[in-house]
Structure formats: structure tokens, C-alpha cells
Amino acid sequence: MLHGILILAGVALTVFLLFQVLPGDPVALLAGQRSDVATRAAIAADLGLDQPVPVQLAGYLNDVSPVGVHPRDSAGVARYGGVTLLPLGGERAVVLKKPYLRRSFQSNKDVLDILLDHFDGTLWLALAAMLLAAVLGIGFGIVAALRAHTWVDRTLLTVSVLGISVPSFVAAILIAMTFGFYWSHWTGLSLTGQLFETDPFTAESHVVWRNLLLPALALGVRPLAVIVQLTRSSMLDVLSQDFVRTARAKGLSKPRTVWHHALQNALNPVVTAVSGWLASLMAGAFFIEYIFNWKGLGTVTLRAVENLDFPVVMGATLFVAFLFVVINIAVDVLYAVLDPRVKLN
């Protein structure tokens, strides 16, 4: 957890310094081309852009940190939603609060609210891709192990190597054009669509699961290919162990030996890998969402990049980094639960 805090601090520092050197004037973007000097100065003062870079950095880290020094008045409490931990004297105090990622240059909305509004789309997409990759990958991996060194095994390995080699955005374009355009009259799928759609006549929202299929398939191609090879390798290793040969020698059938003895031991590294892939899929969904026009973190972030909406881009980067840290800590704990040889100190 301490390493995770240090990683997030490093990401925040890197993001801030990176956007200091990128082109674009936030004041001109907010004020417009016809604004006067006084208006520009007022906006710069409100954003803290009239301060030296070290002062801006300290203010940014103070805002994004869950523990910061802020005004004790009602306006400060309302802005940060904090709880006073330690009064410092005067009008300031150490406050426990939710991270304040600033406000969007385009919509003037709180960046965290924007990200949370689009987070469910990315989460559903990543979970669907991970479920698809896990089910098919484990199934194909078991088949490849049980048919080792046959044409079935070689075919599955060849396809999995292709799945690893092809970039996700290339696979997404091929899948979208093939199943959502050329073969759409057979598949009933379209290039674009959302998981939750609103009826234009009744204004009621309903779930359209078929719209999730193509983006999840495009996002899950690479983890699917990795899981196939990992499951095959793990199964072959377990099937060669002495306890499996002993079970077969005692008269247990091959299916019972595989499903009740070998599979449970073979899936430990696979489950850990599946859990670790979730954060990577949420980050890798950005271009997949853009290709399929899927409402999620990727779409809102890439549009913010196009519009030079720096607070949204910086907030999305920190948000994804936070998800990486949390999920990796959870995977460490899960590994200790699954493998009795691993202990948490």
C-alpha cells in the first residue's frame, strides 16, 4: 500500500509536469478570443495560473491528495467535501476529503463527476471482455493440453500467437468492419451502440446486450490468447505430476482426474493472471471505445485531448493509475488466498 501511494504521487507529479510543457492556453480557451485583459487575468488568478510553477504544483498535489490543507470556512468545506482533522490556526486546517481533480475547461463540471459518469461504461466493457477471455481461454487451453502435439493443439497455438501479435485497435477495426458492417445483416450487430439506450417515444432506458458483444470481443482478443497459452502450459505441468499419475493408477477415469484433481491446481496462476488483466483492460479500452463510439472513460478522455481540456485528461490519467494500484493490491491478496504457500505478513 505504501508503494501504491508513492506510485500515485509519482504519477501526479509526472502528469502535472507533462502538461506544463504541452501547447495550449487554458485561459484563452476559457475566456474566448474576444475577451479583454482583465477577464483573462481574473481567470488566470482563479485557476492559479498566475503563480510560479512550484506554487502551482503544490496547489495541484494538495487538491488531488485525499488529505490536504484547505480553508475552514463553509465555502472551502463545500468545495472539497472534507472533514476537518487538525485545525492549523487561522482559517486553514488539515482536511480529509475526496480528491479534487479541478474543473473541466469545456463544461466547467467537476472532473471527478465527469469520470464517474463515464466509468460504468468502461467497467462493463472490461468485465465483459475479461469474462469472455477467461471462459474461452481456459476452455481452449484445456483442450490444447489434452490434445497436446496434435493438429488441434497446433491450430489453437497458432491462433493464440496471432491474437497476441495483432494490436487491439487493429483487431477492433477488423472486427467492427467484418461483423458490424459487411456481415451485419447476418449478425444483427452494428458498428456503434451503447449498453443503455433510451426509447425516443417512452424515454425509458433499457439494456441492449448485443451492443456490448463486438467491443468486448475486440478488447478481449489479447487476454484470450494469453490465457490459452497460460492454461495449456499450466495444465501440461500439472498433468505430469506424480499425484495425477497416482490417481490414474488407482483407477480414476481421465475426465474425473482432469476436472477434480488437475484443473484446480492448474488454475491458480490463471486466476491470478485474469485478475491482473482487469486493470490493463480498463486502460486498453480507450481506443476500443473510440472506434465503437462507446460511452466510457476512453471516449471522454480522447475528446478532452482533442479540445485541450487538460484537467479531464490529467484526472483520467490519475483515475486509471489509482485503479491499477487498487487492483494489483487486490490481486496480491487473492494470490495468497488461492495459494497456501504464500502468506501475508
Protein backbone atom coordinates (compact mmCIF):
# COMPACT_ATOMS: atom_id res chain seq x y z
CA MET A 1 0.00 0.00 0.00
CA LEU A 2 2.92 2.34 0.72
CA HIS A 3 4.36 1.56 -2.71
CA GLY A 4 0.95 2.31 -4.22
CA ILE A 5 0.84 5.73 -2.55
CA LEU A 6 4.33 6.51 -3.86
CA ILE A 7 3.32 5.40 -7.37
CA LEU A 8 0.26 7.67 -7.34
CA ALA A 9 2.37 10.58 -6.10
CA GLY A 10 4.85 9.95 -8.92
CA VAL A 11 2.05 9.77 -11.50
CA ALA A 12 0.55 13.04 -10.23
CA LEU A 13 3.94 14.76 -10.42
CA THR A 14 4.65 13.42 -13.91
CA VAL A 15 1.22 14.38 -15.22
CA PHE A 16 1.49 17.91 -13.89
CA LEU A 17 4.98 18.49 -15.34
CA LEU A 18 3.99 16.94 -18.66
CA PHE A 19 1.04 19.26 -19.16
CA GLN A 20 3.17 22.26 -18.24
CA VAL A 21 5.16 21.86 -21.46
CA LEU A 22 2.30 20.95 -23.81
CA PRO A 23 0.98 23.64 -26.19
CA GLY A 24 -2.31 25.36 -25.50
CA ASP A 25 -3.51 28.28 -23.39
CA PRO A 26 -6.24 27.32 -20.87
CA VAL A 27 -7.02 30.99 -20.20
CA ALA A 28 -7.63 31.71 -23.89
CA LEU A 29 -9.74 28.55 -24.14
CA LEU A 30 -11.97 29.61 -21.26
CA ALA A 31 -12.11 33.35 -21.95
CA GLY A 32 -12.53 33.21 -25.70
CA GLN A 33 -10.76 35.20 -28.39
CA ARG A 34 -12.64 38.46 -27.78
CA SER A 35 -12.04 38.72 -24.05
CA ASP A 36 -10.22 41.66 -22.51
CA VAL A 37 -7.08 41.64 -20.40
CA ALA A 38 -8.96 41.98 -17.11
CA THR A 39 -11.08 38.89 -17.85
CA ARG A 40 -8.02 36.85 -18.73
CA ALA A 41 -6.25 37.98 -15.56
CA ALA A 42 -9.26 37.05 -13.42
CA ILE A 43 -9.46 33.55 -14.96
CA ALA A 44 -5.72 33.02 -14.55
CA ALA A 45 -5.95 34.06 -10.88
CA ASP A 46 -8.94 31.74 -10.29
CA LEU A 47 -7.04 28.79 -11.79
CA GLY A 48 -3.82 29.72 -10.03
CA LEU A 49 -2.02 30.07 -13.36
CA ASP A 50 -0.59 33.43 -12.37
CA GLN A 51 1.57 31.73 -9.72
CA PRO A 52 5.07 30.28 -10.21
CA VAL A 53 5.23 26.64 -11.33
CA PRO A 54 6.36 25.30 -7.89
CA VAL A 55 3.38 27.03 -6.24
CA GLN A 56 1.03 25.61 -8.90
CA LEU A 57 2.49 22.13 -8.33
CA ALA A 58 1.99 22.37 -4.56
CA GLY A 59 -1.59 23.51 -5.08
CA TYR A 60 -2.30 20.68 -7.52
CA LEU A 61 -0.89 17.97 -5.25
CA ASN A 62 -2.83 19.49 -2.35
CA ASP A 63 -6.04 19.27 -4.38
CA VAL A 64 -5.65 15.70 -5.65
CA SER A 65 -4.47 14.32 -2.31
CA PRO A 66 -7.15 12.81 -0.01
CA VAL A 67 -5.51 14.69 2.87
CA GLY A 68 -4.80 18.37 2.30
CA VAL A 69 -4.66 21.81 3.82
CA HIS A 70 -7.73 23.87 2.95
CA PRO A 71 -9.83 26.76 4.28
CA ARG A 72 -12.03 26.01 7.26
CA ASP A 73 -14.90 28.21 6.10
CA SER A 74 -18.13 26.83 4.69
CA ALA A 75 -17.09 27.59 1.11
CA GLY A 76 -13.92 25.53 1.45
CA VAL A 77 -15.76 22.63 3.06
CA ALA A 78 -18.44 22.68 0.37
CA ARG A 79 -15.86 22.77 -2.43
CA TYR A 80 -13.79 19.84 -1.21
CA GLY A 81 -16.41 17.91 0.77
CA GLY A 82 -13.91 17.42 3.56
CA VAL A 83 -13.87 16.63 7.25
CA THR A 84 -11.54 18.66 9.46
CA LEU A 85 -8.79 16.53 11.01
CA LEU A 86 -6.50 19.12 12.54
CA PRO A 87 -7.03 22.90 12.85
CA LEU A 88 -3.85 24.78 11.98
CA GLY A 89 -4.86 28.11 13.41
CA GLY A 90 -6.29 30.99 11.47
CA GLU A 91 -8.62 29.99 8.66
CA ARG A 92 -6.92 26.77 7.50
CA ALA A 93 -6.97 23.14 8.62
CA VAL A 94 -5.83 19.66 7.61
CA VAL A 95 -8.86 18.14 5.87
CA LEU A 96 -9.77 14.54 4.94
CA LYS A 97 -11.61 14.84 1.64
CA LYS A 98 -12.28 13.31 -1.72
CA PRO A 99 -9.61 14.17 -4.32
CA TYR A 100 -10.38 17.38 -6.16
CA LEU A 101 -9.37 16.96 -9.83
CA ARG A 102 -10.26 20.54 -10.76
CA ARG A 103 -12.99 21.53 -13.23
CA SER A 104 -13.33 20.94 -16.95
CA PHE A 105 -12.33 23.82 -19.22
CA GLN A 106 -15.13 22.92 -21.63
CA SER A 107 -18.15 22.27 -19.41
CA ASN A 108 -16.97 23.73 -16.05
CA LYS A 109 -18.12 20.48 -14.41
CA ASP A 110 -16.17 18.73 -11.67
CA VAL A 111 -13.73 16.36 -13.40
CA LEU A 112 -14.33 13.56 -10.89
CA ASP A 113 -18.07 13.74 -11.57
CA ILE A 114 -17.40 13.52 -15.32
CA LEU A 115 -15.16 10.48 -14.88
CA LEU A 116 -17.59 8.69 -12.57
CA ASP A 117 -20.43 9.37 -15.01
CA HIS A 118 -18.49 7.54 -17.74
CA PHE A 119 -16.81 4.93 -15.53
CA ASP A 120 -19.65 2.39 -15.61
CA GLY A 121 -19.40 2.06 -19.40
CA THR A 122 -15.69 1.23 -19.24
CA LEU A 123 -16.20 -1.10 -16.27
CA TRP A 124 -18.93 -3.11 -18.02
CA LEU A 125 -16.81 -3.33 -21.16
CA ALA A 126 -13.72 -4.51 -19.26
CA LEU A 127 -15.67 -7.06 -17.22
CA ALA A 128 -17.39 -8.46 -20.32
CA ALA A 129 -14.05 -8.70 -22.17
CA MET A 130 -12.43 -10.39 -19.18
CA LEU A 131 -15.30 -12.87 -18.78
CA LEU A 132 -15.23 -13.71 -22.48
CA ALA A 133 -11.44 -14.10 -22.47
CA ALA A 134 -11.44 -16.21 -19.28
CA VAL A 135 -14.18 -18.63 -20.32
CA LEU A 136 -12.95 -19.18 -23.87
CA GLY A 137 -9.26 -19.02 -22.95
CA ILE A 138 -9.48 -21.60 -20.16
CA GLY A 139 -11.66 -23.86 -22.31
CA PHE A 140 -9.36 -23.72 -25.34
CA GLY A 141 -6.28 -24.07 -23.11
CA ILE A 142 -7.63 -27.26 -21.54
CA VAL A 143 -8.46 -28.69 -24.98
CA ALA A 144 -4.96 -27.82 -26.23
CA ALA A 145 -3.35 -29.52 -23.21
CA LEU A 146 -5.44 -32.66 -23.52
CA ARG A 147 -4.71 -32.80 -27.27
CA ALA A 148 -1.06 -31.81 -26.94
CA HIS A 149 1.11 -32.09 -30.07
CA THR A 150 -1.89 -32.78 -32.33
CA TRP A 151 -3.34 -30.61 -35.09
CA VAL A 152 -5.87 -29.23 -32.60
CA ASP A 153 -3.11 -28.09 -30.27
CA ARG A 154 -1.05 -26.57 -33.10
CA THR A 155 -4.08 -24.75 -34.51
CA LEU A 156 -5.01 -23.22 -31.15
CA LEU A 157 -1.40 -22.17 -30.50
CA THR A 158 -1.14 -20.55 -33.94
CA VAL A 159 -4.36 -18.61 -33.48
CA SER A 160 -3.30 -17.52 -29.99
CA VAL A 161 0.04 -16.23 -31.31
CA LEU A 162 -1.85 -14.19 -33.91
CA GLY A 163 -4.11 -12.85 -31.16
CA ILE A 164 -1.11 -11.69 -29.13
CA SER A 165 0.64 -10.18 -32.16
CA VAL A 166 -2.22 -8.09 -33.56
CA PRO A 167 -2.65 -4.70 -31.79
CA SER A 168 -6.01 -4.22 -30.08
CA PHE A 169 -7.04 -1.24 -32.21
CA VAL A 170 -6.29 -3.17 -35.42
CA ALA A 171 -8.33 -6.14 -34.18
CA ALA A 172 -11.12 -3.73 -33.21
CA ILE A 173 -11.27 -2.22 -36.72
CA LEU A 174 -11.29 -5.68 -38.35
CA ILE A 175 -13.98 -6.98 -36.00
CA ALA A 176 -16.11 -3.85 -36.36
CA MET A 177 -15.98 -3.82 -40.16
CA THR A 178 -16.50 -7.58 -40.53
CA PHE A 179 -19.29 -8.26 -38.02
CA GLY A 180 -20.78 -4.78 -37.67
CA PHE A 181 -20.76 -3.69 -41.32
CA TYR A 182 -20.18 -6.34 -44.00
CA TRP A 183 -21.97 -9.18 -42.15
CA SER A 184 -24.37 -7.01 -40.14
CA HIS A 185 -27.43 -8.40 -41.98
CA TRP A 186 -26.46 -11.85 -40.65
CA THR A 187 -25.17 -10.95 -37.20
CA GLY A 188 -27.71 -8.22 -36.38
CA LEU A 189 -24.87 -6.16 -34.86
CA SER A 190 -23.91 -2.56 -35.61
CA LEU A 191 -20.71 -0.53 -35.58
CA THR A 192 -21.90 1.72 -32.76
CA GLY A 193 -24.31 1.46 -29.84
CA GLN A 194 -24.48 1.79 -26.08
CA LEU A 195 -25.22 -0.70 -23.33
CA PHE A 196 -28.03 1.51 -22.03
CA GLU A 197 -30.24 3.05 -24.69
CA THR A 198 -33.27 5.31 -24.25
CA ASP A 199 -36.52 4.77 -26.13
CA PRO A 200 -37.27 8.04 -28.01
CA PHE A 201 -41.03 7.63 -27.50
CA THR A 202 -41.30 6.46 -23.89
CA ALA A 203 -38.00 7.97 -22.62
CA GLU A 204 -37.35 4.68 -20.77
CA SER A 205 -33.82 3.30 -20.56
CA HIS A 206 -33.22 -0.36 -21.36
CA VAL A 207 -30.19 -2.66 -21.67
CA VAL A 208 -29.06 -3.75 -25.14
CA TRP A 209 -26.60 -6.58 -24.52
CA ARG A 210 -25.77 -7.15 -28.20
CA ASN A 211 -24.11 -3.73 -28.36
CA LEU A 212 -21.57 -4.99 -25.81
CA LEU A 213 -20.53 -8.05 -27.84
CA LEU A 214 -18.25 -6.55 -30.50
CA PRO A 215 -16.34 -4.11 -28.24
CA ALA A 216 -15.86 -6.85 -25.62
CA LEU A 217 -14.61 -9.28 -28.27
CA ALA A 218 -12.18 -6.70 -29.68
CA LEU A 219 -10.89 -5.82 -26.20
CA GLY A 220 -10.64 -9.45 -25.09
CA VAL A 221 -8.65 -10.82 -28.04
CA ARG A 222 -5.22 -10.34 -26.49
CA PRO A 223 -6.01 -11.63 -22.94
CA LEU A 224 -7.86 -14.54 -24.55
CA ALA A 225 -4.75 -15.53 -26.47
CA VAL A 226 -2.53 -15.18 -23.39
CA ILE A 227 -4.90 -17.23 -21.20
CA VAL A 228 -4.99 -20.04 -23.80
CA GLN A 229 -1.21 -20.42 -23.67
CA LEU A 230 -1.02 -19.98 -19.89
CA THR A 231 -3.74 -22.58 -19.25
CA ARG A 232 -2.18 -25.04 -21.67
CA SER A 233 1.26 -24.69 -20.09
CA SER A 234 -0.09 -24.96 -16.55
CA MET A 235 -2.26 -27.98 -17.38
CA LEU A 236 0.62 -29.82 -19.04
CA ASP A 237 2.78 -29.18 -15.98
CA VAL A 238 0.13 -30.46 -13.55
CA LEU A 239 -0.75 -33.49 -15.69
CA SER A 240 2.88 -34.60 -15.49
CA GLN A 241 2.90 -34.53 -11.66
CA ASP A 242 3.10 -37.72 -9.56
CA PHE A 243 -0.28 -37.25 -7.85
CA VAL A 244 -2.04 -37.27 -11.24
CA ARG A 245 -0.31 -40.48 -12.28
CA THR A 246 -1.18 -41.98 -8.89
CA ALA A 247 -4.84 -41.07 -9.32
CA ARG A 248 -4.90 -42.69 -12.75
CA ALA A 249 -3.14 -45.80 -11.38
CA LYS A 250 -5.83 -46.14 -8.70
CA GLY A 251 -8.45 -46.46 -11.40
CA LEU A 252 -9.91 -42.94 -11.60
CA SER A 253 -11.24 -42.09 -15.03
CA LYS A 254 -9.41 -39.50 -17.11
CA PRO A 255 -12.25 -36.91 -17.02
CA ARG A 256 -12.53 -37.20 -13.22
CA THR A 257 -8.75 -36.93 -12.83
CA VAL A 258 -8.64 -33.84 -15.02
CA TRP A 259 -11.64 -31.99 -13.58
CA HIS A 260 -11.33 -32.88 -9.89
CA HIS A 261 -7.57 -33.05 -9.41
CA ALA A 262 -5.54 -31.41 -12.18
CA LEU A 263 -7.72 -28.42 -13.07
CA GLN A 264 -7.93 -26.96 -9.57
CA ASN A 265 -4.13 -26.85 -9.25
CA ALA A 266 -3.61 -25.63 -12.80
CA LEU A 267 -5.97 -22.67 -12.48
CA ASN A 268 -4.10 -20.89 -9.66
CA PRO A 269 -1.73 -18.94 -11.93
CA VAL A 270 -4.51 -18.48 -14.49
CA VAL A 271 -6.91 -16.88 -11.99
CA THR A 272 -4.16 -14.56 -10.82
CA ALA A 273 -3.39 -13.54 -14.40
CA VAL A 274 -7.09 -12.98 -15.14
CA SER A 275 -7.41 -10.71 -12.11
CA GLY A 276 -4.33 -8.73 -13.08
CA TRP A 277 -5.61 -8.21 -16.62
CA LEU A 278 -8.68 -6.27 -15.46
CA ALA A 279 -6.83 -3.00 -14.84
CA SER A 280 -4.95 -3.34 -18.13
CA LEU A 281 -8.21 -3.85 -19.99
CA MET A 282 -9.74 -0.73 -18.46
CA ALA A 283 -6.76 1.28 -19.70
CA GLY A 284 -6.67 -0.52 -23.05
CA ALA A 285 -10.35 0.17 -23.64
CA PHE A 286 -9.66 3.80 -24.59
CA PHE A 287 -9.11 3.25 -28.32
CA ILE A 288 -11.67 0.44 -28.44
CA GLU A 289 -14.28 2.85 -27.07
CA TYR A 290 -13.27 5.47 -29.61
CA ILE A 291 -13.63 3.03 -32.53
CA PHE A 292 -17.06 1.80 -31.41
CA ASN A 293 -18.17 5.23 -30.09
CA TRP A 294 -18.72 3.62 -26.69
CA LYS A 295 -19.56 5.92 -23.80
CA GLY A 296 -16.73 5.43 -21.32
CA LEU A 297 -13.54 6.86 -19.89
CA GLY A 298 -11.72 6.43 -23.19
CA THR A 299 -14.21 8.43 -25.22
CA VAL A 300 -14.39 11.33 -22.79
CA THR A 301 -10.58 11.40 -22.41
CA LEU A 302 -9.78 11.37 -26.12
CA ARG A 303 -12.33 14.11 -26.74
CA ALA A 304 -10.71 16.10 -23.95
CA VAL A 305 -7.34 15.66 -25.67
CA GLU A 306 -8.81 16.99 -28.91
CA ASN A 307 -10.28 20.02 -27.10
CA LEU A 308 -7.17 20.67 -24.96
CA ASP A 309 -9.29 20.09 -21.85
CA PHE A 310 -6.26 19.38 -19.67
CA PRO A 311 -7.99 18.85 -16.28
CA VAL A 312 -10.08 15.99 -17.71
CA VAL A 313 -7.03 14.33 -19.28
CA MET A 314 -4.97 14.72 -16.12
CA GLY A 315 -7.83 13.47 -13.95
CA ALA A 316 -8.42 10.44 -16.18
CA THR A 317 -4.72 9.55 -16.01
CA LEU A 318 -4.72 9.68 -12.22
CA PHE A 319 -8.02 7.78 -12.06
CA VAL A 320 -6.68 4.90 -14.19
CA ALA A 321 -3.44 4.85 -12.18
CA PHE A 322 -5.48 4.57 -8.99
CA LEU A 323 -7.42 1.62 -10.46
CA PHE A 324 -4.13 -0.09 -11.38
CA VAL A 325 -2.80 0.26 -7.84
CA VAL A 326 -6.00 -0.92 -6.14
CA ILE A 327 -6.49 -3.92 -8.44
CA ASN A 328 -2.85 -5.01 -8.14
CA ILE A 329 -3.05 -4.89 -4.33
CA ALA A 330 -6.26 -6.95 -4.52
CA VAL A 331 -4.52 -9.47 -6.80
CA ASP A 332 -1.67 -9.83 -4.30
CA VAL A 333 -4.20 -10.65 -1.57
CA LEU A 334 -6.10 -13.01 -3.90
CA TYR A 335 -2.92 -14.89 -4.72
CA ALA A 336 -2.33 -15.52 -1.01
CA VAL A 337 -5.90 -16.82 -0.71
CA LEU A 338 -5.55 -19.18 -3.66
CA ASP A 339 -2.03 -20.46 -2.93
CA PRO A 340 -1.48 -21.70 0.65
CA ARG A 341 2.30 -21.43 0.16
CA VAL A 342 2.01 -17.62 0.03
CA LYS A 343 1.49 -15.79 3.33
CA LEU A 344 0.64 -12.16 4.01
CA ASN A 345 2.85 -10.65 6.71
